[in-house]
Amino acid sequence: MIRFKPSCLALLLGLIAPLCDAADFCIAVNNGFGQGGTTFVGKGFTLPAAGTCKPWSGFAKTASSVIAMSTGTGCRSSDGKLVEFTIASTDPAFLGAGVIASDHIRFCPAGDLNCPLSGFGVGVFSNGNAASQTCTTALVTLPAVHD
């Protein structure tokens, strides 16, 4: 029989629980994937606290079947009202070998009634309105074969 001291068990659960709770975070630009735009999927990403930044990794879905691998940073303003992302994406089949697509996205977190701006994105995969999006199974699924 394996026995744990209560303090050790609490520490162990504290280290494992964040991994189990890691949800994905989706950003829709121009109404998102399937609606004529792009959806950026941050795997296991949660919004940072006010005045802090977090690394972003995942993929972007655009057109009818294009998926680009993405990395970047998401930061939240010191007053917590705005989130801002810089995301770099690659997809040799779509963009060409060695080509990196750059996108910069800003919006207010869902539910903020005092938003200082309308959400927007500028870049290769994002030119237009931007907002958080509910991550559906279809959005977060990464198929083995894609453009």
N, C-alpha and C. Protein backbone atom coordinates (compact mmCIF):
# COMPACT_ATOMS: atom_id res chain seq x y z
N MET A 1 0.83 -1.17 0.00
CA MET A 1 0.00 0.00 0.00
C MET A 1 0.89 1.24 0.00
N ILE A 2 0.54 2.19 -0.85
CA ILE A 2 1.29 3.44 -0.92
C ILE A 2 0.60 4.47 -0.04
N ARG A 3 1.40 5.13 0.80
CA ARG A 3 0.83 6.15 1.68
C ARG A 3 1.52 7.48 1.39
N PHE A 4 0.72 8.53 1.40
CA PHE A 4 1.23 9.88 1.21
C PHE A 4 0.89 10.70 2.44
N LYS A 5 1.80 11.56 2.82
CA LYS A 5 1.46 12.54 3.84
C LYS A 5 0.45 13.49 3.21
N PRO A 6 -0.51 14.01 3.96
CA PRO A 6 -1.50 14.92 3.39
C PRO A 6 -0.88 16.10 2.67
N SER A 7 0.21 16.67 3.21
CA SER A 7 0.84 17.82 2.57
C SER A 7 1.48 17.43 1.24
N CYS A 8 2.03 16.22 1.15
CA CYS A 8 2.63 15.76 -0.11
C CYS A 8 1.55 15.49 -1.15
N LEU A 9 0.44 14.91 -0.71
CA LEU A 9 -0.66 14.64 -1.63
C LEU A 9 -1.24 15.94 -2.17
N ALA A 10 -1.38 16.94 -1.32
CA ALA A 10 -1.90 18.23 -1.76
C ALA A 10 -0.95 18.86 -2.77
N LEU A 11 0.34 18.75 -2.52
CA LEU A 11 1.33 19.29 -3.46
C LEU A 11 1.24 18.57 -4.79
N LEU A 12 1.15 17.25 -4.76
CA LEU A 12 1.05 16.46 -5.98
C LEU A 12 -0.19 16.84 -6.78
N LEU A 13 -1.33 16.94 -6.10
CA LEU A 13 -2.57 17.32 -6.78
C LEU A 13 -2.49 18.75 -7.31
N GLY A 14 -1.83 19.62 -6.59
CA GLY A 14 -1.66 21.00 -7.04
C GLY A 14 -0.82 21.11 -8.29
N LEU A 15 0.11 20.18 -8.47
CA LEU A 15 0.95 20.19 -9.67
C LEU A 15 0.25 19.56 -10.86
N ILE A 16 -0.59 18.59 -10.61
CA ILE A 16 -1.26 17.87 -11.70
C ILE A 16 -2.53 18.58 -12.14
N ALA A 17 -3.29 19.14 -11.23
CA ALA A 17 -4.59 19.74 -11.55
C ALA A 17 -4.50 20.80 -12.65
N PRO A 18 -3.51 21.72 -12.63
CA PRO A 18 -3.46 22.71 -13.71
C PRO A 18 -3.30 22.07 -15.09
N LEU A 19 -2.63 20.93 -15.16
CA LEU A 19 -2.47 20.27 -16.44
C LEU A 19 -3.79 19.68 -16.92
N CYS A 20 -4.60 19.20 -16.00
CA CYS A 20 -5.89 18.61 -16.35
C CYS A 20 -6.90 19.68 -16.74
N ASP A 21 -6.78 20.86 -16.19
CA ASP A 21 -7.74 21.92 -16.43
C ASP A 21 -7.38 22.78 -17.64
N ALA A 22 -6.26 22.53 -18.27
CA ALA A 22 -5.80 23.38 -19.36
C ALA A 22 -6.79 23.34 -20.52
N ALA A 23 -7.48 24.45 -20.72
CA ALA A 23 -8.45 24.55 -21.81
C ALA A 23 -7.77 25.25 -22.99
N ASP A 24 -8.38 25.17 -24.13
CA ASP A 24 -7.88 25.89 -25.29
C ASP A 24 -8.55 27.26 -25.33
N PHE A 25 -7.90 28.20 -26.01
CA PHE A 25 -8.44 29.55 -26.17
C PHE A 25 -8.48 29.86 -27.65
N CYS A 26 -9.63 30.31 -28.13
CA CYS A 26 -9.79 30.58 -29.56
C CYS A 26 -10.05 32.06 -29.82
N ILE A 27 -9.45 32.57 -30.89
CA ILE A 27 -9.63 33.95 -31.32
C ILE A 27 -10.15 33.94 -32.75
N ALA A 28 -11.27 34.60 -32.98
CA ALA A 28 -11.83 34.71 -34.32
C ALA A 28 -11.47 36.07 -34.92
N VAL A 29 -10.95 36.05 -36.13
CA VAL A 29 -10.71 37.28 -36.87
C VAL A 29 -11.56 37.20 -38.13
N ASN A 30 -12.25 38.29 -38.45
CA ASN A 30 -13.19 38.30 -39.59
C ASN A 30 -14.20 37.17 -39.47
N ASN A 31 -14.75 37.00 -38.28
CA ASN A 31 -15.80 36.02 -37.96
C ASN A 31 -15.29 34.59 -37.82
N GLY A 32 -14.02 34.36 -37.97
CA GLY A 32 -13.43 33.05 -37.69
C GLY A 32 -13.50 32.04 -38.81
N PHE A 33 -12.83 30.92 -38.59
CA PHE A 33 -12.76 29.82 -39.55
C PHE A 33 -14.16 29.29 -39.86
N GLY A 34 -14.40 29.05 -41.13
CA GLY A 34 -15.71 28.56 -41.56
C GLY A 34 -16.70 29.67 -41.86
N GLN A 35 -16.35 30.90 -41.49
CA GLN A 35 -17.20 32.06 -41.73
C GLN A 35 -16.46 33.11 -42.57
N GLY A 36 -15.44 32.67 -43.31
CA GLY A 36 -14.69 33.57 -44.17
C GLY A 36 -13.45 34.18 -43.53
N GLY A 37 -13.17 33.84 -42.29
CA GLY A 37 -12.03 34.42 -41.60
C GLY A 37 -11.06 33.36 -41.09
N THR A 38 -10.37 33.70 -40.03
CA THR A 38 -9.35 32.83 -39.43
C THR A 38 -9.65 32.66 -37.95
N THR A 39 -9.41 31.46 -37.45
CA THR A 39 -9.46 31.22 -36.01
C THR A 39 -8.07 30.78 -35.55
N PHE A 40 -7.55 31.47 -34.53
CA PHE A 40 -6.29 31.10 -33.90
C PHE A 40 -6.64 30.27 -32.67
N VAL A 41 -6.05 29.09 -32.55
CA VAL A 41 -6.32 28.19 -31.43
C VAL A 41 -5.06 28.11 -30.56
N GLY A 42 -5.16 28.59 -29.34
CA GLY A 42 -4.07 28.49 -28.37
C GLY A 42 -4.28 27.25 -27.53
N LYS A 43 -3.46 26.25 -27.72
CA LYS A 43 -3.63 24.98 -27.00
C LYS A 43 -3.23 25.17 -25.54
N GLY A 44 -4.18 24.91 -24.64
CA GLY A 44 -3.92 25.04 -23.20
C GLY A 44 -3.70 26.46 -22.74
N PHE A 45 -4.11 27.45 -23.55
CA PHE A 45 -3.87 28.85 -23.21
C PHE A 45 -5.03 29.40 -22.38
N THR A 46 -4.70 30.14 -21.36
CA THR A 46 -5.67 30.92 -20.60
C THR A 46 -5.19 32.36 -20.58
N LEU A 47 -6.12 33.28 -20.51
CA LEU A 47 -5.75 34.69 -20.53
C LEU A 47 -4.84 35.02 -19.35
N PRO A 48 -3.82 35.85 -19.60
CA PRO A 48 -2.94 36.25 -18.49
C PRO A 48 -3.65 37.22 -17.55
N ALA A 49 -3.13 37.33 -16.35
CA ALA A 49 -3.64 38.30 -15.38
C ALA A 49 -3.27 39.71 -15.85
N ALA A 50 -3.93 40.70 -15.32
CA ALA A 50 -3.65 42.09 -15.68
C ALA A 50 -2.16 42.40 -15.52
N GLY A 51 -1.61 43.06 -16.52
CA GLY A 51 -0.21 43.48 -16.48
C GLY A 51 0.80 42.38 -16.74
N THR A 52 0.36 41.21 -17.21
CA THR A 52 1.29 40.11 -17.45
C THR A 52 1.11 39.55 -18.87
N CYS A 53 2.06 38.71 -19.26
CA CYS A 53 2.06 38.08 -20.57
C CYS A 53 2.23 36.57 -20.41
N LYS A 54 1.78 35.82 -21.43
CA LYS A 54 1.95 34.37 -21.46
C LYS A 54 2.34 33.94 -22.87
N PRO A 55 3.10 32.86 -22.97
CA PRO A 55 3.42 32.33 -24.30
C PRO A 55 2.18 31.70 -24.94
N TRP A 56 2.12 31.80 -26.25
CA TRP A 56 1.01 31.24 -27.05
C TRP A 56 1.60 30.18 -27.97
N SER A 57 0.97 29.02 -28.04
CA SER A 57 1.34 28.02 -29.04
C SER A 57 0.09 27.27 -29.46
N GLY A 58 0.04 26.94 -30.73
CA GLY A 58 -1.12 26.25 -31.26
C GLY A 58 -1.13 26.31 -32.77
N PHE A 59 -2.27 26.67 -33.34
CA PHE A 59 -2.37 26.73 -34.80
C PHE A 59 -3.44 27.72 -35.21
N ALA A 60 -3.40 28.08 -36.49
CA ALA A 60 -4.41 28.94 -37.10
C ALA A 60 -5.13 28.15 -38.17
N LYS A 61 -6.46 28.25 -38.20
CA LYS A 61 -7.27 27.62 -39.25
C LYS A 61 -7.85 28.72 -40.12
N THR A 62 -7.66 28.60 -41.43
CA THR A 62 -8.17 29.61 -42.35
C THR A 62 -8.54 28.96 -43.68
N ALA A 63 -9.13 29.73 -44.58
CA ALA A 63 -9.62 29.22 -45.86
C ALA A 63 -10.50 27.99 -45.59
N SER A 64 -10.49 27.00 -46.46
CA SER A 64 -11.35 25.83 -46.20
C SER A 64 -10.58 24.70 -45.54
N SER A 65 -9.24 24.69 -45.67
CA SER A 65 -8.48 23.57 -45.12
C SER A 65 -7.05 23.94 -44.71
N VAL A 66 -6.73 25.22 -44.66
CA VAL A 66 -5.37 25.63 -44.33
C VAL A 66 -5.19 25.68 -42.82
N ILE A 67 -4.14 25.01 -42.35
CA ILE A 67 -3.78 25.04 -40.93
C ILE A 67 -2.31 25.38 -40.83
N ALA A 68 -2.01 26.46 -40.11
CA ALA A 68 -0.63 26.90 -39.91
C ALA A 68 -0.26 26.73 -38.44
N MET A 69 0.94 26.26 -38.17
CA MET A 69 1.43 26.13 -36.80
C MET A 69 1.82 27.52 -36.30
N SER A 70 1.47 27.83 -35.05
CA SER A 70 1.62 29.19 -34.54
C SER A 70 2.28 29.24 -33.16
N THR A 71 3.07 30.28 -32.97
CA THR A 71 3.65 30.60 -31.66
C THR A 71 3.58 32.10 -31.47
N GLY A 72 3.67 32.54 -30.23
CA GLY A 72 3.65 33.98 -29.99
C GLY A 72 3.49 34.31 -28.53
N THR A 73 2.93 35.49 -28.28
CA THR A 73 2.76 35.99 -26.93
C THR A 73 1.41 36.68 -26.81
N GLY A 74 0.76 36.48 -25.68
CA GLY A 74 -0.47 37.19 -25.36
C GLY A 74 -0.25 37.98 -24.09
N CYS A 75 -0.58 39.27 -24.11
CA CYS A 75 -0.40 40.13 -22.94
C CYS A 75 -1.71 40.83 -22.61
N ARG A 76 -1.88 41.12 -21.33
CA ARG A 76 -3.07 41.84 -20.87
C ARG A 76 -2.65 43.18 -20.32
N SER A 77 -3.40 44.22 -20.65
CA SER A 77 -3.06 45.56 -20.18
C SER A 77 -3.08 45.60 -18.65
N SER A 78 -2.39 46.59 -18.11
CA SER A 78 -2.28 46.70 -16.65
C SER A 78 -3.63 46.89 -15.98
N ASP A 79 -4.59 47.52 -16.68
CA ASP A 79 -5.92 47.69 -16.10
C ASP A 79 -6.83 46.49 -16.39
N GLY A 80 -6.31 45.50 -17.14
CA GLY A 80 -7.05 44.28 -17.43
C GLY A 80 -8.10 44.39 -18.51
N LYS A 81 -8.23 45.55 -19.15
CA LYS A 81 -9.31 45.78 -20.11
C LYS A 81 -9.00 45.30 -21.53
N LEU A 82 -7.75 45.06 -21.85
CA LEU A 82 -7.38 44.74 -23.22
C LEU A 82 -6.40 43.58 -23.25
N VAL A 83 -6.57 42.68 -24.21
CA VAL A 83 -5.58 41.64 -24.46
C VAL A 83 -5.01 41.86 -25.86
N GLU A 84 -3.73 41.57 -25.99
CA GLU A 84 -3.02 41.84 -27.23
C GLU A 84 -2.11 40.66 -27.53
N PHE A 85 -2.11 40.22 -28.78
CA PHE A 85 -1.34 39.05 -29.20
C PHE A 85 -0.47 39.40 -30.40
N THR A 86 0.73 38.87 -30.40
CA THR A 86 1.55 38.82 -31.60
C THR A 86 1.79 37.34 -31.86
N ILE A 87 1.37 36.89 -33.05
CA ILE A 87 1.43 35.47 -33.38
C ILE A 87 2.14 35.28 -34.71
N ALA A 88 3.12 34.39 -34.72
CA ALA A 88 3.85 34.03 -35.94
C ALA A 88 3.44 32.62 -36.34
N SER A 89 3.15 32.43 -37.62
CA SER A 89 2.66 31.14 -38.11
C SER A 89 3.42 30.69 -39.35
N THR A 90 3.57 29.38 -39.47
CA THR A 90 4.21 28.81 -40.66
C THR A 90 3.34 27.70 -41.24
N ASP A 91 3.36 27.60 -42.55
CA ASP A 91 2.70 26.52 -43.27
C ASP A 91 3.35 26.45 -44.65
N PRO A 92 4.41 25.64 -44.79
CA PRO A 92 5.13 25.59 -46.07
C PRO A 92 4.24 25.27 -47.27
N ALA A 93 3.21 24.43 -47.10
CA ALA A 93 2.35 24.07 -48.22
C ALA A 93 1.52 25.26 -48.70
N PHE A 94 1.20 26.19 -47.82
CA PHE A 94 0.36 27.33 -48.17
C PHE A 94 1.17 28.60 -48.38
N LEU A 95 2.09 28.89 -47.46
CA LEU A 95 2.86 30.13 -47.50
C LEU A 95 4.17 30.01 -48.28
N GLY A 96 4.71 28.81 -48.36
CA GLY A 96 6.02 28.59 -48.96
C GLY A 96 7.04 28.26 -47.88
N ALA A 97 8.06 27.55 -48.27
CA ALA A 97 9.11 27.15 -47.32
C ALA A 97 9.84 28.37 -46.78
N GLY A 98 10.03 28.40 -45.47
CA GLY A 98 10.78 29.49 -44.83
C GLY A 98 10.00 30.78 -44.65
N VAL A 99 8.74 30.82 -45.04
CA VAL A 99 7.94 32.04 -44.92
C VAL A 99 7.19 32.02 -43.58
N ILE A 100 7.27 33.13 -42.86
CA ILE A 100 6.59 33.26 -41.58
C ILE A 100 5.52 34.33 -41.70
N ALA A 101 4.29 33.97 -41.37
CA ALA A 101 3.17 34.92 -41.37
C ALA A 101 3.10 35.57 -40.00
N SER A 102 2.95 36.88 -39.97
CA SER A 102 2.88 37.62 -38.72
C SER A 102 1.51 38.27 -38.57
N ASP A 103 0.93 38.14 -37.37
CA ASP A 103 -0.37 38.75 -37.08
C ASP A 103 -0.34 39.42 -35.72
N HIS A 104 -1.01 40.55 -35.63
CA HIS A 104 -1.12 41.29 -34.37
C HIS A 104 -2.61 41.52 -34.12
N ILE A 105 -3.08 41.09 -32.95
CA ILE A 105 -4.51 41.07 -32.64
C ILE A 105 -4.75 41.74 -31.29
N ARG A 106 -5.77 42.62 -31.22
CA ARG A 106 -6.14 43.30 -29.97
C ARG A 106 -7.65 43.25 -29.79
N PHE A 107 -8.09 42.95 -28.58
CA PHE A 107 -9.52 43.00 -28.27
C PHE A 107 -9.70 43.00 -26.76
N CYS A 108 -10.91 43.28 -26.34
CA CYS A 108 -11.25 43.24 -24.92
C CYS A 108 -11.76 41.84 -24.59
N PRO A 109 -11.41 41.33 -23.42
CA PRO A 109 -11.94 40.02 -23.02
C PRO A 109 -13.46 40.04 -23.00
N ALA A 110 -14.06 38.91 -23.27
CA ALA A 110 -15.52 38.80 -23.29
C ALA A 110 -16.12 39.31 -21.99
N GLY A 111 -17.19 40.04 -22.10
CA GLY A 111 -17.90 40.52 -20.92
C GLY A 111 -17.46 41.87 -20.40
N ASP A 112 -16.39 42.47 -20.95
CA ASP A 112 -15.95 43.79 -20.48
C ASP A 112 -16.84 44.86 -21.09
N LEU A 113 -17.62 45.54 -20.27
CA LEU A 113 -18.56 46.54 -20.76
C LEU A 113 -17.90 47.90 -21.00
N ASN A 114 -16.68 48.10 -20.51
CA ASN A 114 -15.98 49.37 -20.68
C ASN A 114 -14.79 49.22 -21.62
N CYS A 115 -14.98 48.54 -22.72
CA CYS A 115 -13.90 48.29 -23.67
C CYS A 115 -13.48 49.59 -24.34
N PRO A 116 -12.17 49.89 -24.34
CA PRO A 116 -11.71 51.15 -24.94
C PRO A 116 -11.59 51.12 -26.47
N LEU A 117 -11.82 49.95 -27.11
CA LEU A 117 -11.70 49.89 -28.57
C LEU A 117 -12.48 48.71 -29.13
N SER A 118 -12.69 48.73 -30.43
CA SER A 118 -13.28 47.58 -31.11
C SER A 118 -12.14 46.63 -31.43
N GLY A 119 -12.35 45.35 -31.23
CA GLY A 119 -11.29 44.37 -31.48
C GLY A 119 -10.92 44.34 -32.95
N PHE A 120 -9.63 44.15 -33.22
CA PHE A 120 -9.16 44.08 -34.60
C PHE A 120 -7.88 43.27 -34.69
N GLY A 121 -7.60 42.80 -35.89
CA GLY A 121 -6.36 42.10 -36.16
C GLY A 121 -5.79 42.62 -37.46
N VAL A 122 -4.47 42.67 -37.53
CA VAL A 122 -3.77 43.04 -38.77
C VAL A 122 -2.66 42.04 -39.01
N GLY A 123 -2.49 41.66 -40.26
CA GLY A 123 -1.42 40.73 -40.60
C GLY A 123 -1.81 39.83 -41.75
N VAL A 124 -1.08 38.77 -41.91
CA VAL A 124 -1.29 37.84 -43.02
C VAL A 124 -2.61 37.11 -42.89
N PHE A 125 -2.91 36.57 -41.72
CA PHE A 125 -4.15 35.82 -41.52
C PHE A 125 -5.24 36.64 -40.84
N SER A 126 -4.93 37.86 -40.45
CA SER A 126 -5.93 38.65 -39.72
C SER A 126 -5.94 40.08 -40.21
N ASN A 127 -7.03 40.46 -40.83
CA ASN A 127 -7.28 41.85 -41.21
C ASN A 127 -8.76 42.12 -41.01
N GLY A 128 -9.10 42.64 -39.84
CA GLY A 128 -10.50 42.93 -39.57
C GLY A 128 -10.85 42.73 -38.12
N ASN A 129 -12.16 42.56 -37.86
CA ASN A 129 -12.64 42.45 -36.49
C ASN A 129 -12.06 41.24 -35.80
N ALA A 130 -11.90 41.34 -34.49
CA ALA A 130 -11.33 40.23 -33.71
C ALA A 130 -11.99 40.17 -32.34
N ALA A 131 -12.19 38.94 -31.86
CA ALA A 131 -12.78 38.71 -30.54
C ALA A 131 -12.49 37.28 -30.12
N SER A 132 -12.65 37.01 -28.83
CA SER A 132 -12.53 35.63 -28.38
C SER A 132 -13.68 34.84 -28.98
N GLN A 133 -13.49 33.55 -29.13
CA GLN A 133 -14.47 32.68 -29.77
C GLN A 133 -14.59 31.40 -28.94
N THR A 134 -15.77 30.84 -28.86
CA THR A 134 -15.93 29.57 -28.18
C THR A 134 -15.17 28.50 -28.96
N CYS A 135 -14.34 27.76 -28.27
CA CYS A 135 -13.58 26.68 -28.91
C CYS A 135 -14.47 25.45 -29.03
N THR A 136 -14.86 25.13 -30.24
CA THR A 136 -15.66 23.93 -30.48
C THR A 136 -14.72 22.76 -30.81
N THR A 137 -15.24 21.57 -30.77
CA THR A 137 -14.45 20.40 -31.13
C THR A 137 -13.92 20.53 -32.55
N ALA A 138 -14.74 21.03 -33.46
CA ALA A 138 -14.32 21.20 -34.85
C ALA A 138 -13.15 22.18 -34.96
N LEU A 139 -13.15 23.22 -34.15
CA LEU A 139 -12.06 24.22 -34.22
C LEU A 139 -10.76 23.68 -33.63
N VAL A 140 -10.83 22.95 -32.53
CA VAL A 140 -9.60 22.53 -31.85
C VAL A 140 -9.04 21.22 -32.40
N THR A 141 -9.76 20.58 -33.32
CA THR A 141 -9.28 19.34 -33.91
C THR A 141 -8.20 19.66 -34.94
N LEU A 142 -7.08 18.98 -34.80
CA LEU A 142 -5.96 19.15 -35.73
C LEU A 142 -5.87 17.88 -36.59
N PRO A 143 -6.34 17.94 -37.85
CA PRO A 143 -6.30 16.75 -38.69
C PRO A 143 -4.88 16.39 -39.10
N ALA A 144 -4.65 15.11 -39.35
CA ALA A 144 -3.32 14.65 -39.75
C ALA A 144 -2.94 15.18 -41.12
N VAL A 145 -3.91 15.33 -42.01
CA VAL A 145 -3.65 15.82 -43.37
C VAL A 145 -4.36 17.14 -43.56
N HIS A 146 -3.60 18.16 -43.97
CA HIS A 146 -4.18 19.49 -44.22
C HIS A 146 -3.22 20.27 -45.11
N ASP A 147 -3.67 21.42 -45.62
CA ASP A 147 -2.81 22.31 -46.42
C ASP A 147 -1.80 22.98 -45.52
